Protein backbone atom coordinates (compact mmCIF):
# COMPACT_ATOMS: atom_id res chain seq x y z
CA MET A 1 -126.62 -73.84 62.49
CA ASP A 2 -127.61 -76.65 64.51
CA GLY A 3 -124.70 -79.16 65.09
CA GLY A 4 -126.14 -81.90 63.40
CA THR A 5 -126.84 -80.15 60.06
CA GLN A 6 -123.53 -78.49 59.33
CA PRO A 7 -122.13 -79.40 55.94
CA SER A 8 -119.75 -82.31 55.97
CA SER A 9 -116.19 -81.33 56.35
CA ASP A 10 -115.15 -83.10 53.33
CA ALA A 11 -117.84 -81.66 51.14
CA GLY A 12 -116.04 -78.55 49.52
CA THR A 13 -115.76 -77.20 53.05
CA GLY A 14 -112.45 -78.86 53.99
CA SER A 15 -108.84 -78.25 52.54
CA PRO A 16 -108.32 -76.83 49.11
CA SER A 17 -106.81 -80.03 47.76
CA ASP A 18 -110.55 -81.61 47.79
CA ALA A 19 -112.49 -78.62 48.10
CA GLY A 20 -115.50 -77.80 45.51
CA THR A 21 -114.93 -79.79 42.43
CA GLY A 22 -118.24 -78.94 40.86
CA THR A 23 -119.23 -82.37 40.04
CA PRO A 24 -121.65 -84.64 41.40
CA ASP A 25 -120.40 -87.02 44.11
CA ALA A 26 -122.93 -89.58 43.73
CA GLY A 27 -121.67 -93.08 44.32
CA SER A 28 -118.09 -92.09 44.86
CA THR A 29 -118.08 -93.19 48.27
CA ASP A 30 -118.62 -96.86 47.38
CA ALA A 31 -116.34 -96.86 44.13
CA GLY A 32 -114.54 -99.97 44.06
CA THR A 33 -114.07 -103.32 41.97
CA ALA A 34 -117.67 -104.63 42.52
CA PRO A 35 -120.44 -102.96 40.43
CA LEU A 36 -122.96 -101.01 42.08
CA THR A 37 -126.36 -102.32 42.37
CA CYS A 38 -128.23 -98.85 42.87
CA ALA A 39 -125.87 -95.98 43.34
CA PRO A 40 -128.36 -93.53 44.82
CA THR A 41 -128.39 -90.16 43.29
CA ALA A 42 -130.71 -86.94 43.01
CA GLY A 43 -129.13 -85.78 39.93
CA ASP A 44 -126.45 -82.83 39.44
CA THR A 45 -125.47 -80.01 41.87
CA ARG A 46 -128.50 -77.95 42.72
CA TRP A 47 -128.34 -74.31 43.63
CA VAL A 48 -131.10 -72.32 45.28
CA LEU A 49 -131.17 -69.05 47.22
CA GLU A 50 -131.88 -68.75 50.90
CA GLY A 51 -135.78 -68.94 51.26
CA GLU A 52 -136.11 -70.63 48.16
CA ALA A 53 -137.79 -74.06 47.71
CA LEU A 54 -135.71 -77.15 46.87
CA THR A 55 -137.24 -80.52 45.64
CA ALA A 56 -135.27 -83.54 44.58
CA LYS A 57 -136.13 -87.00 43.90
CA VAL A 58 -133.67 -89.82 44.56
CA THR A 59 -133.42 -92.65 42.48
CA CYS A 60 -130.74 -95.34 41.45
CA ALA A 61 -128.19 -94.01 39.19
CA THR A 62 -127.97 -97.50 37.69
CA GLY A 63 -131.50 -97.61 36.72
CA TYR A 64 -132.46 -100.19 39.16
CA THR A 65 -135.74 -100.36 40.09
CA ALA A 66 -136.73 -103.50 42.08
CA ALA A 67 -139.73 -103.33 44.69
CA GLY A 68 -139.02 -102.58 48.13
CA LEU A 69 -136.11 -99.99 47.56
CA ARG A 70 -135.73 -97.71 50.64
CA PHE A 71 -134.11 -94.35 50.20
CA GLY A 72 -133.14 -91.90 52.88
CA VAL A 73 -130.76 -88.92 53.51
CA LYS A 74 -128.52 -89.46 56.21
CA ASN A 75 -127.64 -85.84 57.29
CA LEU A 76 -130.84 -83.69 56.49
CA PRO A 77 -130.48 -79.99 57.17
CA ALA A 78 -132.44 -78.32 59.66
CA GLY A 79 -135.96 -77.54 58.22
CA ALA A 80 -135.51 -80.35 55.51
CA THR A 81 -138.01 -83.51 55.30
CA PHE A 82 -137.39 -86.54 53.27
CA ASP A 83 -140.83 -88.38 52.01
CA GLU A 84 -139.62 -92.07 51.85
CA SER A 85 -142.56 -93.20 50.19
CA SER A 86 -141.78 -90.88 47.27
CA ALA A 87 -138.08 -90.76 48.02
CA THR A 88 -138.54 -86.77 47.73
CA LEU A 89 -136.20 -84.59 49.52
CA ARG A 90 -138.12 -81.03 50.24
CA TRP A 91 -136.10 -77.96 51.77
CA THR A 92 -136.40 -74.21 51.91
CA PRO A 93 -133.07 -73.15 53.23
CA ALA A 94 -133.24 -70.67 56.07
CA LEU A 95 -131.68 -67.19 55.69
CA ASN A 96 -128.90 -68.28 58.01
CA GLN A 97 -128.13 -71.42 55.91
CA GLY A 98 -126.22 -70.27 53.17
CA ALA A 99 -123.45 -72.90 52.69
CA VAL A 100 -122.48 -75.84 50.48
CA TRP A 101 -124.16 -78.78 51.64
CA MET A 102 -123.02 -82.21 51.08
CA LEU A 103 -126.21 -84.59 51.69
CA THR A 104 -125.61 -88.37 51.99
CA LEU A 105 -128.09 -90.38 50.01
CA GLU A 106 -128.53 -93.93 51.09
CA GLU A 107 -130.52 -97.08 49.62
CA ARG A 108 -130.86 -99.22 52.78
CA THR A 109 -131.57 -102.62 51.22
CA THR A 110 -128.16 -102.36 49.29
CA GLY A 111 -126.34 -100.40 51.79
CA GLU A 112 -125.27 -98.04 48.99
CA THR A 113 -124.81 -94.55 49.37
CA GLY A 114 -124.22 -91.23 47.01
CA THR A 115 -123.96 -87.76 47.52
CA LEU A 116 -126.28 -84.76 46.63
CA LYS A 117 -124.33 -81.51 46.46
CA VAL A 118 -126.60 -78.66 47.44
CA GLY A 119 -125.44 -75.05 47.37
CA VAL A 120 -127.46 -72.34 48.98
CA ALA A 121 -126.63 -68.78 47.97
CA ASN A 122 -126.72 -66.10 50.01
CA ASN A 123 -129.76 -63.91 49.90
CA ASP A 124 -129.04 -60.33 50.61
CA ASN A 125 -132.61 -59.05 49.65
CA ALA A 126 -134.62 -61.37 51.75
CA PRO A 127 -136.12 -59.49 54.58
CA GLY A 128 -134.57 -60.27 57.81
CA LYS A 129 -131.47 -61.53 56.23
CA VAL A 130 -128.31 -62.21 58.51
CA ASP A 131 -124.73 -62.26 57.27
CA ILE A 132 -123.35 -65.58 56.24
CA VAL A 133 -122.93 -67.33 59.29
CA ASP A 134 -119.70 -69.79 58.36
CA PRO A 135 -117.63 -68.71 55.69
CA VAL A 136 -115.71 -72.16 56.06
CA ALA A 137 -119.00 -73.76 54.79
CA TYR A 138 -119.51 -71.12 52.40
CA THR A 139 -117.04 -72.36 49.57
CA GLU A 140 -118.94 -71.68 46.11
CA GLU A 141 -121.69 -69.47 44.81
CA TYR A 142 -123.28 -70.96 41.80
CA GLY A 143 -120.29 -72.94 41.03
CA LEU A 144 -117.64 -70.19 41.48
CA PRO A 145 -115.25 -70.23 44.35
CA VAL A 146 -115.89 -67.68 46.83
CA VAL A 147 -112.94 -65.51 48.53
CA HIS A 148 -114.11 -64.20 51.93
CA LEU A 149 -111.74 -61.40 52.84
CA PHE A 150 -111.69 -60.04 56.50
CA PHE A 151 -109.77 -56.94 57.50
CA ASP A 152 -109.96 -54.14 60.24
CA PRO A 153 -112.75 -51.86 58.88
CA ASP A 154 -111.63 -49.08 61.36
CA VAL A 155 -108.07 -49.16 59.81
CA GLY A 156 -109.23 -50.46 56.12
CA LEU A 157 -106.98 -51.00 53.29
CA THR A 158 -104.70 -48.98 51.15
CA ALA A 159 -102.76 -49.00 48.29
CA GLY A 160 -99.90 -47.61 49.95
CA GLY A 161 -98.72 -50.86 51.26
CA TYR A 162 -99.77 -54.22 52.75
CA ARG A 163 -102.01 -54.50 55.83
CA PRO A 164 -102.89 -57.59 57.84
CA ALA A 165 -106.04 -59.44 56.44
CA GLU A 166 -107.62 -62.82 56.30
CA VAL A 167 -108.96 -64.77 53.76
CA VAL A 168 -111.08 -67.94 53.81
CA TYR A 169 -111.04 -69.92 50.78
CA ARG A 170 -112.35 -73.14 49.86
CA GLY A 171 -112.93 -74.13 53.46
CA HIS A 172 -109.13 -73.02 54.57
CA ARG A 173 -108.47 -69.87 56.55
CA TYR A 174 -105.14 -68.11 55.22
CA THR A 175 -103.54 -65.21 57.58
CA ILE A 176 -102.29 -62.78 54.78
CA GLU A 177 -101.69 -59.24 53.97
CA ALA A 178 -103.45 -57.34 51.51
CA LYS A 179 -103.76 -54.03 49.69
CA TYR A 180 -105.46 -52.04 46.99
CA ARG A 181 -104.00 -51.72 43.54
CA GLY A 182 -104.45 -49.49 40.56
CA ALA A 183 -103.58 -45.87 40.03
CA THR A 184 -106.35 -44.78 37.61
CA SER A 185 -109.08 -47.41 38.90
CA SER A 186 -108.46 -45.93 42.54
CA VAL A 187 -111.74 -44.02 42.29
CA PHE A 188 -113.67 -47.16 41.63
CA PRO A 189 -116.17 -48.19 44.31
CA LYS A 190 -115.19 -51.83 43.71
CA ARG A 191 -111.48 -51.71 43.53
CA SER A 192 -108.44 -54.47 42.52
CA LEU A 193 -106.86 -56.04 45.35
CA THR A 194 -103.38 -58.08 45.90
CA PHE A 195 -102.89 -60.71 48.29
CA LYS A 196 -99.76 -61.72 49.85
CA PHE A 197 -99.69 -65.33 51.41
CA ALA A 198 -97.42 -66.76 53.94
CA GLU A 199 -94.45 -68.73 52.64
CA ASP A 200 -95.68 -71.87 54.44
CA ASP A 201 -99.34 -71.20 53.60
CA LEU A 202 -99.45 -70.53 49.67
CA PHE A 203 -102.82 -69.98 47.83
CA SER A 204 -103.89 -73.01 45.34
CA GLU A 205 -107.06 -73.30 43.28
CA PRO A 206 -107.85 -76.92 42.67
CA VAL A 207 -110.52 -76.89 39.78
CA PHE A 208 -110.15 -73.50 37.77
CA GLY A 209 -107.11 -71.60 36.51
CA ASP A 210 -105.29 -74.41 34.50
CA GLY A 211 -102.85 -75.17 37.39
CA PHE A 212 -103.10 -72.06 39.66
CA LYS A 213 -101.07 -73.75 42.35
CA ASP A 214 -98.90 -72.44 45.18
CA ARG A 215 -99.06 -68.72 44.53
CA LYS A 216 -97.42 -66.30 47.03
CA ARG A 217 -99.32 -63.19 45.62
CA VAL A 218 -102.53 -63.14 43.84
CA VAL A 219 -104.28 -60.17 42.21
CA LEU A 220 -108.02 -59.72 42.24
CA ILE A 221 -108.98 -57.75 39.17
CA THR A 222 -111.95 -55.34 39.80
CA THR A 223 -114.80 -55.98 37.00
CA PHE A 224 -116.44 -52.65 37.67
CA ASN A 225 -115.39 -51.18 34.19
CA ASP A 226 -116.35 -54.42 32.52
CA ASN A 227 -119.93 -55.62 32.93
CA SER A 228 -119.32 -58.56 30.62
CA TYR A 229 -117.05 -59.73 33.31
CA LEU A 230 -114.69 -61.67 30.83
CA ARG A 231 -112.65 -59.23 28.75
CA SER A 232 -109.46 -59.70 31.14
CA ARG A 233 -109.80 -63.54 30.90
CA LEU A 234 -110.34 -63.42 27.23
CA ALA A 235 -107.54 -61.63 26.58
CA PHE A 236 -105.13 -63.55 28.69
CA ASP A 237 -106.18 -66.79 27.49
CA LEU A 238 -105.83 -65.24 24.09
CA TRP A 239 -102.25 -64.23 24.95
CA ASN A 240 -101.43 -67.77 25.86
CA ARG A 241 -102.85 -69.44 22.79
CA LEU A 242 -100.98 -67.09 20.68
CA SER A 243 -97.71 -67.14 22.22
CA PRO A 244 -97.45 -70.48 24.16
CA ASN A 245 -93.93 -70.42 25.08
CA ALA A 246 -94.02 -66.79 26.28
CA VAL A 247 -95.07 -66.17 29.90
CA ARG A 248 -98.47 -67.15 30.72
CA ILE A 249 -100.92 -65.19 33.06
CA ARG A 250 -103.51 -67.64 34.10
CA THR A 251 -106.78 -66.37 35.42
CA PHE A 252 -110.28 -67.41 36.89
CA SER A 253 -113.48 -66.03 38.03
CA VAL A 254 -114.27 -65.52 41.99
CA VAL A 255 -116.71 -64.14 43.92
CA VAL A 256 -115.76 -61.73 46.71
CA TYR A 257 -117.25 -61.16 50.26
CA ALA A 258 -115.41 -58.34 52.25
CA ASN A 259 -116.06 -58.39 55.87
CA LYS A 260 -119.21 -60.65 55.14
CA LYS A 261 -120.58 -57.96 52.54
CA PHE A 262 -120.92 -59.01 48.90
CA ARG A 263 -118.41 -57.25 46.44
CA GLY A 264 -119.24 -59.51 43.38
CA LEU A 265 -117.36 -60.80 40.65
CA TYR A 266 -113.48 -60.28 40.21
CA THR A 267 -110.81 -62.04 37.91
CA ALA A 268 -108.36 -63.50 40.15
CA ALA A 269 -104.80 -63.32 38.20
CA ASP A 270 -101.23 -64.19 38.51
CA HIS A 271 -99.26 -61.50 40.13
CA VAL A 272 -96.28 -60.69 37.81
CA ASP A 273 -93.06 -61.03 39.92
CA LYS A 274 -90.00 -63.05 40.37
CA ARG A 275 -91.84 -66.31 40.97
CA LEU A 276 -93.85 -66.09 37.88
CA MET A 277 -90.61 -65.45 35.84
CA GLU A 278 -89.18 -68.62 37.56
CA TRP A 279 -92.01 -70.82 36.48
CA ASN A 280 -91.69 -69.58 33.06
CA GLY A 281 -88.09 -70.30 32.73
CA ILE A 282 -86.70 -66.83 33.48
CA ASP A 283 -84.22 -66.28 36.28
CA ASP A 284 -85.92 -65.25 39.65
CA ASP A 285 -82.91 -62.69 40.08
CA SER A 286 -83.76 -60.92 36.75
CA ASP A 287 -84.86 -57.36 36.53
CA LEU A 288 -88.54 -56.49 36.04
CA PHE A 289 -89.57 -53.20 34.81
CA LYS A 290 -93.45 -51.96 33.98
CA GLY A 291 -94.65 -49.41 31.70
CA VAL A 292 -96.76 -47.32 33.62
CA ASP A 293 -97.63 -44.51 31.40
CA ALA A 294 -97.56 -43.48 27.42
CA ASP A 295 -93.99 -42.57 27.69
CA ALA A 296 -92.95 -45.92 28.11
CA ASN A 297 -92.63 -45.83 24.30
CA PHE A 298 -88.97 -46.96 23.67
CA SER A 299 -87.82 -43.49 22.45
CA ARG A 300 -85.87 -40.58 23.52
CA LEU A 301 -88.94 -38.19 23.37
CA LYS A 302 -91.93 -38.19 25.56
CA ARG A 303 -95.40 -38.64 24.09
CA ASP A 304 -95.60 -34.94 23.87
CA GLY A 305 -92.34 -34.68 21.71
CA GLN A 306 -90.19 -33.45 24.45
CA ALA A 307 -87.06 -35.03 25.45
CA LYS A 308 -86.83 -37.20 27.99
CA GLU A 309 -84.65 -36.51 31.16
CA HIS A 310 -83.70 -39.98 31.14
CA LEU A 311 -84.58 -43.22 28.93
CA HIS A 312 -86.77 -44.93 31.68
CA VAL A 313 -89.26 -42.07 31.94
CA GLY A 314 -92.82 -43.96 31.84
CA PHE A 315 -91.38 -46.97 33.60
CA GLU A 316 -90.81 -48.35 37.27
CA LYS A 317 -88.86 -51.23 38.50
CA SER A 318 -90.90 -54.11 40.13
CA GLU A 319 -88.25 -56.85 40.68
CA GLY A 320 -84.28 -56.90 40.71
CA THR A 321 -81.57 -55.23 42.35
CA PRO A 322 -80.48 -52.56 42.51
CA GLU A 323 -84.05 -51.68 43.73
CA GLN A 324 -85.87 -48.75 42.16
CA ASN A 325 -84.53 -45.29 43.40
CA GLN A 326 -81.07 -46.96 43.79
CA PRO A 327 -77.94 -45.89 41.55
CA HIS A 328 -77.95 -47.79 38.35
CA ALA A 329 -81.33 -49.58 39.03
CA PHE A 330 -82.33 -48.60 35.50
CA ASP A 331 -79.00 -49.28 33.66
CA PRO A 332 -80.29 -52.27 31.63
CA LEU A 333 -83.67 -50.70 30.51
CA ASP A 334 -81.94 -47.22 29.58
CA ALA A 335 -79.46 -49.37 27.39
CA PHE A 336 -82.31 -51.35 25.77
CA VAL A 337 -84.33 -48.07 25.01
CA ALA A 338 -81.16 -46.44 23.62
CA TRP A 339 -80.63 -49.55 21.31
CA VAL A 340 -84.33 -49.25 20.08
CA ALA A 341 -83.89 -45.33 19.62
CA ASP A 342 -80.60 -45.19 18.24
CA SER A 343 -79.79 -48.46 16.32
CA SER A 344 -79.39 -48.04 12.56
CA THR A 345 -81.50 -49.98 10.37
CA GLU A 346 -78.74 -52.52 9.87
CA SER A 347 -78.09 -53.08 13.33
CA PHE A 348 -81.67 -53.30 14.27
CA ARG A 349 -82.24 -56.15 11.97
CA GLN A 350 -79.39 -57.87 12.74
CA GLU A 351 -79.33 -57.56 16.72
CA PHE A 352 -83.37 -57.79 16.95
CA GLY A 353 -83.42 -61.71 17.68
CA THR A 354 -80.68 -61.33 20.15
CA LYS A 355 -81.42 -58.38 22.07
CA LEU A 356 -84.74 -59.54 22.70
CA LYS A 357 -86.95 -62.77 22.20
CA ALA A 358 -88.31 -62.01 18.80
CA ARG A 359 -91.42 -64.14 19.11
CA ASP A 360 -92.27 -62.52 22.50
CA TYR A 361 -92.37 -59.00 21.05
CA GLU A 362 -93.93 -59.79 17.52
CA ASP A 363 -96.57 -61.66 19.29
CA TRP A 364 -97.08 -58.54 21.66
CA TRP A 365 -97.66 -56.52 18.46
CA ILE A 366 -100.02 -59.15 16.99
CA PHE A 367 -102.13 -59.60 20.22
CA ASN A 368 -102.39 -55.94 20.91
CA THR A 369 -103.59 -55.00 17.39
CA LEU A 370 -106.09 -57.92 17.54
CA ILE A 371 -107.69 -57.16 20.75
CA GLN A 372 -107.04 -53.30 20.03
CA GLY A 373 -105.57 -52.85 23.26
CA ASN A 374 -105.68 -49.10 23.19
CA ASP A 375 -104.24 -49.01 26.76
CA SER A 376 -101.34 -51.52 26.57
CA GLN A 377 -99.21 -50.53 23.54
CA GLY A 378 -96.52 -49.33 25.49
CA LYS A 379 -97.82 -48.82 29.22
CA ASN A 380 -99.39 -51.89 31.10
CA ALA A 381 -96.64 -54.22 29.85
CA TYR A 382 -93.88 -55.74 31.72
CA HIS A 383 -90.18 -56.40 30.53
CA ALA A 384 -87.82 -59.06 32.05
CA TYR A 385 -83.97 -59.02 31.65
CA ASP A 386 -81.55 -61.50 33.06
CA SER A 387 -78.41 -59.50 33.53
CA LYS A 388 -76.43 -62.81 34.18
CA THR A 389 -76.97 -64.02 30.71
CA GLY A 390 -77.12 -60.75 28.90
CA GLY A 391 -80.87 -61.44 27.92
CA PRO A 392 -82.86 -61.62 25.81
CA TRP A 393 -85.36 -59.52 26.73
CA ARG A 394 -88.81 -60.92 27.60
CA PHE A 395 -92.33 -59.46 27.37
CA ILE A 396 -95.41 -60.01 29.80
CA PRO A 397 -98.79 -58.59 29.12
CA TRP A 398 -100.77 -56.89 31.91
CA ASP A 399 -103.92 -54.64 32.44
CA LEU A 400 -106.15 -55.70 29.39
CA ASP A 401 -109.49 -54.47 30.28
CA ALA A 402 -109.28 -51.96 27.63
CA SER A 403 -109.73 -54.50 24.63
CA PHE A 404 -112.45 -56.17 22.65
CA GLY A 405 -114.45 -53.00 21.83
CA GLN A 406 -113.82 -50.73 24.76
CA ASN A 407 -111.17 -48.29 25.98
CA PHE A 408 -110.26 -47.88 29.63
CA ASP A 409 -113.27 -45.55 30.33
CA THR A 410 -115.73 -48.02 28.70
CA THR A 411 -116.28 -45.94 25.81
CA ARG A 412 -116.78 -47.89 22.72
CA THR A 413 -114.03 -48.70 19.70
CA SER A 414 -114.48 -49.53 16.30
CA ALA A 415 -114.27 -53.30 15.17
CA THR A 416 -112.68 -52.28 11.95
CA ALA A 417 -110.20 -49.66 13.00
CA ARG A 418 -106.60 -51.05 12.33
CA PRO A 419 -104.23 -49.06 14.44
CA THR A 420 -100.64 -50.30 14.23
CA TYR A 421 -99.72 -48.36 17.40
CA ALA A 422 -96.31 -47.41 15.63
CA SER A 423 -96.72 -44.09 16.75
CA ASP A 424 -97.12 -44.92 20.50
CA ASN A 425 -94.21 -47.42 20.23
CA LEU A 426 -90.87 -46.89 18.48
CA LEU A 427 -90.05 -50.58 18.93
CA PHE A 428 -93.47 -51.34 17.26
CA LYS A 429 -92.48 -49.00 14.42
CA LYS A 430 -89.05 -50.15 13.63
CA MET A 431 -90.24 -53.91 13.63
CA LEU A 432 -92.95 -52.86 11.02
CA ALA A 433 -90.24 -50.82 8.79
CA GLU A 434 -88.06 -53.76 8.74
CA PRO A 435 -89.31 -56.25 6.00
CA SER A 436 -87.48 -59.31 7.24
CA ILE A 437 -89.54 -58.98 10.57
CA ALA A 438 -92.68 -57.59 9.40
CA GLY A 439 -93.37 -59.88 6.51
CA PRO A 440 -93.02 -63.38 8.50
CA MET A 441 -94.72 -61.61 11.59
CA ARG A 442 -97.73 -60.66 9.55
CA GLU A 443 -97.83 -64.10 7.86
CA ARG A 444 -97.68 -65.69 11.35
CA TYR A 445 -100.62 -63.42 12.04
CA ARG A 446 -102.70 -64.56 9.14
CA GLN A 447 -102.31 -68.04 10.15
CA ALA A 448 -102.79 -67.56 13.78
CA LEU A 449 -106.50 -66.08 12.65
CA LYS A 450 -107.05 -69.63 10.96
CA ASN A 451 -105.95 -71.68 13.90
CA GLU A 452 -105.28 -70.82 17.34
CA ALA A 453 -106.62 -67.60 17.30
CA SER A 454 -109.64 -67.99 14.98
CA GLU A 455 -113.04 -66.61 15.49
CA ALA A 456 -114.40 -70.09 16.35
CA ALA A 457 -111.96 -70.44 19.01
CA VAL A 458 -112.58 -67.09 20.64
CA GLN A 459 -116.31 -67.40 20.44
CA ALA A 460 -115.82 -70.85 22.37
CA LEU A 461 -113.72 -69.14 24.96
CA ILE A 462 -116.48 -66.62 25.42
CA ASP A 463 -119.15 -69.56 25.62
CA GLY A 464 -117.14 -71.15 28.35
CA TYR A 465 -116.95 -67.92 30.54
CA VAL A 466 -120.58 -67.19 30.13
CA GLN A 467 -121.26 -70.87 31.45
CA GLU A 468 -119.14 -70.48 34.39
CA LEU A 469 -120.36 -67.15 35.37
CA GLY A 470 -123.99 -68.24 35.37
CA PRO A 471 -126.30 -66.71 37.46
CA ASN A 472 -123.35 -64.48 39.34
CA ALA A 473 -123.13 -62.20 36.59
CA GLN A 474 -126.71 -61.26 37.48
CA ARG A 475 -125.89 -61.12 40.91
CA ASP A 476 -123.28 -58.82 40.34
CA GLU A 477 -125.21 -56.51 37.84
CA ALA A 478 -127.95 -56.35 40.78
CA ARG A 479 -125.17 -55.02 42.93
CA TRP A 480 -123.39 -52.63 40.92
CA GLY A 481 -125.14 -51.90 37.62
CA GLU A 482 -126.75 -48.69 38.70
CA GLU A 483 -123.28 -47.31 39.96
CA TYR A 484 -121.58 -48.47 36.88
CA ARG A 485 -123.88 -46.56 34.60
CA ASN A 486 -123.88 -43.40 36.91
CA PHE A 487 -120.29 -43.38 37.45
CA ALA A 488 -117.74 -40.42 37.13
CA LYS A 489 -120.22 -37.58 36.65
CA PRO A 490 -119.08 -34.06 37.31
CA SER A 491 -119.22 -33.26 40.93
CA THR A 492 -121.46 -30.33 41.98
CA GLY A 493 -119.24 -29.79 44.85
CA PRO A 494 -115.96 -27.72 45.27
CA ASP A 495 -114.07 -30.28 43.48
CA VAL A 496 -115.56 -31.28 40.00
CA ASN A 497 -113.07 -34.19 39.91
CA GLU A 498 -114.72 -36.08 42.75
CA GLY A 499 -116.28 -39.13 42.34
CA GLY A 500 -114.08 -40.47 39.40
CA TYR A 501 -114.63 -37.74 36.96
CA GLY A 502 -111.19 -36.41 36.76
CA ASN A 503 -109.66 -39.99 35.98
CA PHE A 504 -112.50 -40.98 33.52
CA PRO A 505 -114.07 -37.49 31.97
CA ASP A 506 -115.90 -39.17 29.45
CA TRP A 507 -117.57 -42.28 31.19
CA HIS A 508 -120.51 -40.06 31.78
CA LEU A 509 -120.91 -39.21 28.38
CA ARG A 510 -121.78 -42.48 26.95
CA GLN A 511 -125.51 -43.19 25.88
CA ASP A 512 -125.02 -46.74 24.85
CA PHE A 513 -124.69 -48.64 28.41
CA LYS A 514 -125.90 -52.22 28.14
CA THR A 515 -126.79 -55.00 30.38
CA HIS A 516 -124.51 -57.77 31.36
CA ALA A 517 -126.12 -59.97 28.40
CA GLU A 518 -126.04 -57.17 26.03
CA GLU A 519 -122.61 -56.52 26.42
CA VAL A 520 -121.61 -60.25 25.91
CA GLU A 521 -123.35 -60.08 22.59
CA TYR A 522 -121.50 -56.68 21.89
CA ILE A 523 -118.37 -58.44 22.45
CA ARG A 524 -119.42 -61.29 20.34
CA GLN A 525 -120.41 -59.02 17.53
CA TRP A 526 -117.17 -57.01 17.81
CA VAL A 527 -115.08 -60.10 17.45
CA HIS A 528 -117.11 -61.61 14.49
CA THR A 529 -116.64 -57.84 12.69
CA ARG A 530 -112.86 -57.70 13.59
CA TRP A 531 -112.03 -61.12 12.86
CA SER A 532 -113.86 -61.20 9.39
CA ALA A 533 -112.27 -57.75 8.66
CA PHE A 534 -108.75 -59.02 9.37
CA GLN A 535 -109.22 -61.96 7.03
CA THR A 536 -108.55 -59.41 4.06
CA GLN A 537 -106.42 -56.49 5.52
CA LEU A 538 -104.19 -56.85 8.53
CA PRO A 539 -103.20 -53.62 10.31
């Protein structure tokens, strides 16, 4: 770009603390005690594609219309013109001008200035398109923050360990480590990621995420198996509403470019680790265990009915000492599982509220049955234990894309099904069998459906996500929609499981694939049907 046409350094392209507020800045530079006469403005933020024409008329935000007003734009981008007689900006951004531009508007007779924020979105489909010239200036795409990830393409990334990488985010350049994440989803063409930031340069998002600040690790959850692009956010936000005193997982949507190539929408989320535990009142030296398969069922038996060789079958250890693979690493979890499996009815009732934080685990059952989390009733859940205090055990949810009407492989689920998951999780079974636990728990369930987890509240969350996603959803769909619909078909080569079929054998059998807009409507209707059904009968 020409030196005089760069986006201004304090206009969403500088430090994260003041970057990309997503609101018009008109008049802000002159804010003070004296009232403004004009406060020049050209309206709200404007978004165009490279190669798409933009027209914007400058007026006084105050309504001032005196004769002789003289408007201008101080920092016109290359190729833009401003007609002073009509106070009109005209610009068709070139194919190398993708960026967020903060144009300084002026009214010369009053000396007042304002700002017009113009976002120019990358246009990969235009003939002659070049890669994004300046990632530092390309801070947003249609209002969502953009993550620019860079790594050595000859080395690539792996799920086996972190590798050196760089991230440019809201104008700030981070030196990081990155890796892929996810076992079953490792075959996706668009994979989940974990970023690890330097201790002296932690990640923060100033606008979205409800206080997403000073993160050492950040997870980017793929949306490849959810073309609504909102299931994970909806589930985590619903959990935060249902159980406000439990461990919160904060999320927000981002657009990702990897080595300057569009990768589309991801859900940025907290990484479950010692820092997250500490922020939620759990000692950061606590043990943290994760259920990784269906044998994480709090029973002495595996899912297939065979005896476990040790009680922590189905779990891995994520934090705490001794570390995994060291002697006694799983002693606290083994004792917890043994208590669930072996305690008498009387002992279970008396010790339930001391062995574990009852509200966490009761809310887990409420939450998981409500969203029909068919892949998170045992596995895909974290359990934290502070050995210094002897507990209580704490629950943390994770991996919730199998929810709100779909299984982990995108196949559909019934909105009126009422699984209790008692056969998958012995802890749930014993909770439901104890009237002093199950009775109050179900009553709180009924009240939640009328209040913090009401249908109106959930539909309002969906409305908010759809508004935030905006055109980004269609852009992701254009990039990944065909691969989503044709994923995991049996290979005709020597390995039939190649291409995802082995992990997702039923995906290709679907005859009910939907567009993004149709999938969002499907979730809306699924929620309406389920919430209505639960008014008369809970699981």
